[in-house]
Amino acid sequence: MLKNCDLGEHADARIDAAVMAHIDLANIACGGHAGDAESIERTLKLAAEHQVAIGAHPSYPDKAHFGRRSLPLPWPELEQTLTEQVSCLLRLAEAHDQPLHHIKPHGALYLDMMRSEALFERLTDWMSARFPGVALMVQWLPESEAFASIAQRKAIPLIWEAFADRRYQTDGQLAPRSETHSLYDAPQTIIDQAWLFHQQTRDPNHPMQAQSLCFHSDNPASVTALAQLNDTGQGRA
């Protein structure tokens, strides 16, 4: 499975440097919850050095809460800020001849998108109009047919992902970060879950359809797990 990570979110560039060699897809913060032109440039250079495909990681405009709080913005206002965020990254990427591979909403926006077909449809309309041909990274869910159908109508390629370092609820949704142990803090637990997802996708009788595994760079255990997976031969695809 492809590995992806949310990057460009922290002042310490050593974190991104430690992760980049072990992933296939980089989701780069572009100013909504974190990131600025300097961090974007730095992350783009790292991605180019390691031949990692780049994606935009826009969010609700909420740096105070790291984009992890839902904001009831009118659609025109949300559309404007998302366009500004992705366009900022796109301009810098084009200057380095790096194509925009995908868009992955961050935090609360991502969760809201996967819980609301209406918001999902608006986001795919926006992408189709503003960034045609760019893939949308979304969470694989046991019931995902409606999202797949919407994206297909809009000609939006989807990248289905699972989370190696997050706890799941019985309905397939991610456990809220407000709950204890919603983010795993033991590298071996993350490795075990990564292996589980990897094995499920190789089982023709299993419904799991995820194509990529997400690891969070703000979790030291995830960074350690990525390096250890690479050492055991399960690094970049």
Protein backbone atom coordinates (compact mmCIF):
# COMPACT_ATOMS: atom_id res chain seq x y z
CA MET A 1 0.00 0.00 0.00
CA LEU A 2 1.09 3.56 -0.61
CA LYS A 3 2.01 5.52 2.50
CA ASN A 4 1.01 9.14 3.05
CA CYS A 5 1.75 11.68 5.76
CA ASP A 6 0.58 15.19 6.67
CA LEU A 7 3.63 17.45 6.50
CA GLY A 8 4.69 21.09 6.63
CA GLU A 9 2.78 21.52 9.86
CA HIS A 10 5.63 22.15 12.30
CA ALA A 11 8.49 24.56 12.81
CA ASP A 12 10.93 21.68 13.30
CA ALA A 13 11.86 20.69 9.74
CA ARG A 14 13.68 17.61 11.02
CA ILE A 15 10.35 15.83 11.46
CA ASP A 16 9.43 16.18 7.80
CA ALA A 17 12.94 15.19 6.75
CA ALA A 18 12.75 12.04 8.90
CA VAL A 19 9.42 11.04 7.37
CA MET A 20 9.83 11.91 3.69
CA ALA A 21 12.18 9.05 2.83
CA HIS A 22 9.56 6.51 3.95
CA ILE A 23 6.39 7.73 2.20
CA ASP A 24 4.90 7.94 -1.29
CA LEU A 25 2.48 10.85 -0.90
CA ALA A 26 2.99 14.09 1.04
CA ASN A 27 -0.05 16.10 2.16
CA ILE A 28 1.34 19.62 2.59
CA ALA A 29 -0.30 22.14 4.93
CA CYS A 30 -1.04 25.30 3.01
CA GLY A 31 -2.06 27.94 5.53
CA GLY A 32 -5.45 26.99 6.93
CA HIS A 33 -4.48 25.08 10.07
CA ALA A 34 -0.71 25.41 9.67
CA GLY A 35 1.97 26.28 7.14
CA ASP A 36 3.11 29.29 5.17
CA ALA A 37 5.09 29.97 2.02
CA GLU A 38 8.38 29.17 3.74
CA SER A 39 7.24 25.81 5.11
CA ILE A 40 5.60 24.90 1.80
CA GLU A 41 8.82 25.64 -0.12
CA ARG A 42 10.85 23.59 2.35
CA THR A 43 8.49 20.63 2.14
CA LEU A 44 8.31 20.78 -1.65
CA LYS A 45 12.10 20.57 -1.86
CA LEU A 46 12.14 17.54 0.43
CA ALA A 47 9.44 15.86 -1.66
CA ALA A 48 11.39 16.50 -4.87
CA GLU A 49 14.56 15.14 -3.32
CA HIS A 50 12.83 11.88 -2.37
CA GLN A 51 10.55 11.69 -5.44
CA VAL A 52 7.38 11.88 -3.35
CA ALA A 53 4.12 12.97 -4.99
CA ILE A 54 2.67 16.13 -3.46
CA GLY A 55 -0.83 16.96 -2.33
CA ALA A 56 -2.50 20.01 -0.85
CA HIS A 57 -3.76 19.70 2.74
CA PRO A 58 -6.29 22.54 3.17
CA SER A 59 -8.55 22.99 6.16
CA TYR A 60 -10.99 25.25 7.89
CA PRO A 61 -9.16 28.56 8.54
CA ASP A 62 -8.46 27.85 12.20
CA LYS A 63 -4.82 27.87 13.24
CA ALA A 64 -5.81 28.42 16.86
CA HIS A 65 -7.35 24.92 17.02
CA PHE A 66 -5.13 23.32 14.34
CA GLY A 67 -8.12 22.86 12.07
CA ARG A 68 -9.66 20.28 14.38
CA ARG A 69 -12.83 22.21 15.12
CA SER A 70 -15.78 22.28 12.71
CA LEU A 71 -16.62 25.79 11.55
CA PRO A 72 -20.13 26.56 10.22
CA LEU A 73 -18.88 28.74 7.37
CA PRO A 74 -21.19 29.69 4.49
CA TRP A 75 -20.11 27.74 1.43
CA PRO A 76 -18.86 30.80 -0.53
CA GLU A 77 -16.55 31.68 2.36
CA LEU A 78 -15.28 28.12 2.74
CA GLU A 79 -14.80 27.79 -1.01
CA GLN A 80 -12.77 31.00 -1.11
CA THR A 81 -10.39 30.01 1.68
CA LEU A 82 -9.88 26.51 0.24
CA THR A 83 -9.15 27.96 -3.19
CA GLU A 84 -6.63 30.39 -1.70
CA GLN A 85 -4.90 27.64 0.28
CA VAL A 86 -4.57 25.19 -2.60
CA SER A 87 -3.66 27.94 -5.10
CA CYS A 88 -0.84 29.07 -2.82
CA LEU A 89 0.71 25.62 -2.82
CA LEU A 90 0.04 25.14 -6.52
CA ARG A 91 1.87 28.35 -7.48
CA LEU A 92 4.93 27.33 -5.48
CA ALA A 93 4.83 23.77 -6.81
CA GLU A 94 4.58 24.91 -10.42
CA ALA A 95 7.65 27.08 -9.92
CA HIS A 96 9.53 23.85 -9.16
CA ASP A 97 7.81 21.82 -11.91
CA GLN A 98 6.05 19.64 -9.34
CA PRO A 99 2.53 18.62 -10.38
CA LEU A 100 -0.28 18.66 -7.82
CA HIS A 101 -1.17 15.01 -7.40
CA HIS A 102 -4.04 15.17 -4.91
CA ILE A 103 -5.98 17.16 -2.33
CA LYS A 104 -6.64 15.86 1.17
CA PRO A 105 -8.78 18.01 3.47
CA HIS A 106 -7.44 18.25 7.00
CA GLY A 107 -8.90 17.55 10.41
CA ALA A 108 -12.48 18.57 11.04
CA LEU A 109 -13.07 19.38 7.37
CA TYR A 110 -12.02 15.84 6.42
CA LEU A 111 -14.32 14.29 9.01
CA ASP A 112 -17.21 16.58 8.05
CA MET A 113 -16.73 15.65 4.40
CA MET A 114 -16.98 11.95 5.21
CA ARG A 115 -20.13 12.46 7.27
CA SER A 116 -22.01 14.70 4.84
CA GLU A 117 -22.75 13.75 1.26
CA ALA A 118 -23.88 17.34 0.65
CA LEU A 119 -20.49 18.75 1.67
CA PHE A 120 -18.71 15.99 -0.25
CA GLU A 121 -20.66 16.94 -3.37
CA ARG A 122 -19.80 20.62 -2.96
CA LEU A 123 -16.12 19.82 -2.51
CA THR A 124 -16.07 17.64 -5.61
CA ASP A 125 -17.87 20.35 -7.59
CA TRP A 126 -15.21 22.81 -6.40
CA MET A 127 -12.36 20.50 -7.37
CA SER A 128 -13.87 19.75 -10.76
CA ALA A 129 -14.16 23.47 -11.51
CA ARG A 130 -10.90 24.70 -9.96
CA PHE A 131 -8.50 21.76 -10.05
CA PRO A 132 -9.68 19.29 -12.71
CA GLY A 133 -7.88 15.98 -12.87
CA VAL A 134 -6.51 16.23 -9.32
CA ALA A 135 -7.35 13.27 -7.07
CA LEU A 136 -9.21 13.58 -3.77
CA MET A 137 -7.96 11.56 -0.81
CA VAL A 138 -10.82 10.20 1.29
CA GLN A 139 -11.35 7.78 4.14
CA TRP A 140 -12.31 4.24 3.25
CA LEU A 141 -15.56 3.36 5.00
CA PRO A 142 -17.59 0.14 5.02
CA GLU A 143 -20.38 2.09 3.32
CA SER A 144 -18.65 4.21 0.69
CA GLU A 145 -20.73 3.64 -2.44
CA ALA A 146 -22.45 7.04 -2.26
CA PHE A 147 -19.13 8.89 -2.13
CA ALA A 148 -17.71 6.81 -4.97
CA SER A 149 -20.78 7.53 -7.10
CA ILE A 150 -20.58 11.29 -6.51
CA ALA A 151 -16.89 11.40 -7.41
CA GLN A 152 -17.43 9.30 -10.51
CA ARG A 153 -20.12 11.70 -11.76
CA LYS A 154 -17.70 14.60 -11.34
CA ALA A 155 -14.75 12.70 -12.87
CA ILE A 156 -12.79 13.11 -9.63
CA PRO A 157 -10.27 10.29 -9.03
CA LEU A 158 -10.36 9.05 -5.44
CA ILE A 159 -7.53 7.76 -3.26
CA TRP A 160 -9.07 5.65 -0.51
CA GLU A 161 -7.04 5.68 2.69
CA ALA A 162 -6.93 3.99 6.06
CA PHE A 163 -5.16 5.24 9.18
CA ALA A 164 -2.33 3.23 10.66
CA ASP A 165 -2.14 5.28 13.85
CA ARG A 166 -5.76 6.06 14.66
CA ARG A 167 -8.27 4.01 16.64
CA TYR A 168 -11.44 3.05 14.79
CA GLN A 169 -15.01 2.85 16.07
CA THR A 170 -17.24 -0.13 15.30
CA ASP A 171 -18.97 1.81 12.48
CA GLY A 172 -15.67 2.32 10.66
CA GLN A 173 -15.39 5.99 11.59
CA LEU A 174 -12.32 7.30 13.38
CA ALA A 175 -12.56 7.68 17.15
CA PRO A 176 -12.75 11.38 18.06
CA ARG A 177 -9.43 12.82 19.15
CA SER A 178 -11.13 13.97 22.36
CA GLU A 179 -11.30 10.31 23.41
CA THR A 180 -8.45 8.58 25.23
CA HIS A 181 -6.09 6.60 22.97
CA SER A 182 -7.72 7.84 19.76
CA LEU A 183 -4.17 8.32 18.46
CA TYR A 184 -1.89 5.36 19.13
CA ASP A 185 1.29 6.24 21.01
CA ALA A 186 3.10 2.89 20.73
CA PRO A 187 5.04 2.23 17.50
CA GLN A 188 4.33 -1.51 17.62
CA THR A 189 0.57 -0.90 17.80
CA ILE A 190 0.83 1.27 14.69
CA ILE A 191 2.95 -1.32 12.89
CA ASP A 192 0.46 -4.06 13.77
CA GLN A 193 -2.47 -2.05 12.42
CA ALA A 194 -0.52 -1.15 9.28
CA TRP A 195 0.18 -4.84 8.66
CA LEU A 196 -3.46 -5.70 9.29
CA PHE A 197 -4.66 -3.24 6.65
CA HIS A 198 -1.96 -4.38 4.25
CA GLN A 199 -3.05 -8.00 4.60
CA GLN A 200 -6.74 -7.16 4.24
CA THR A 201 -6.22 -5.36 0.95
CA ARG A 202 -4.45 -8.44 -0.41
CA ASP A 203 -7.35 -10.72 0.54
CA PRO A 204 -9.77 -10.90 -2.44
CA ASN A 205 -12.56 -11.86 -0.05
CA HIS A 206 -12.08 -8.89 2.26
CA PRO A 207 -14.09 -5.68 1.60
CA MET A 208 -11.22 -3.32 2.51
CA GLN A 209 -10.43 -1.16 -0.54
CA ALA A 210 -7.93 1.33 0.87
CA GLN A 211 -5.01 2.18 -1.40
CA SER A 212 -2.96 4.24 1.04
CA LEU A 213 -2.08 4.26 4.73
CA CYS A 214 -1.86 7.53 6.63
CA PHE A 215 0.70 8.26 9.34
CA HIS A 216 0.69 11.52 11.34
CA SER A 217 3.95 13.44 11.59
CA ASP A 218 2.85 15.16 14.82
CA ASN A 219 2.90 11.77 16.55
CA PRO A 220 6.46 10.61 17.41
CA ALA A 221 5.28 6.99 17.55
CA SER A 222 4.09 7.21 13.93
CA VAL A 223 7.46 8.55 12.77
CA THR A 224 9.20 5.70 14.56
CA ALA A 225 6.77 3.14 13.11
CA LEU A 226 7.36 4.39 9.58
CA ALA A 227 11.12 3.96 9.92
CA GLN A 228 10.72 0.49 11.43
CA LEU A 229 8.34 -0.59 8.66
CA ASN A 230 10.94 0.53 6.15
CA ASP A 231 13.62 -1.47 7.94
CA THR A 232 11.48 -4.62 7.73
CA GLY A 233 10.96 -4.23 4.00
CA GLN A 234 7.52 -2.63 4.17
CA GLY A 235 8.65 0.90 3.43
CA ARG A 236 7.72 2.84 0.33
CA ALA A 237 5.84 0.95 -2.35
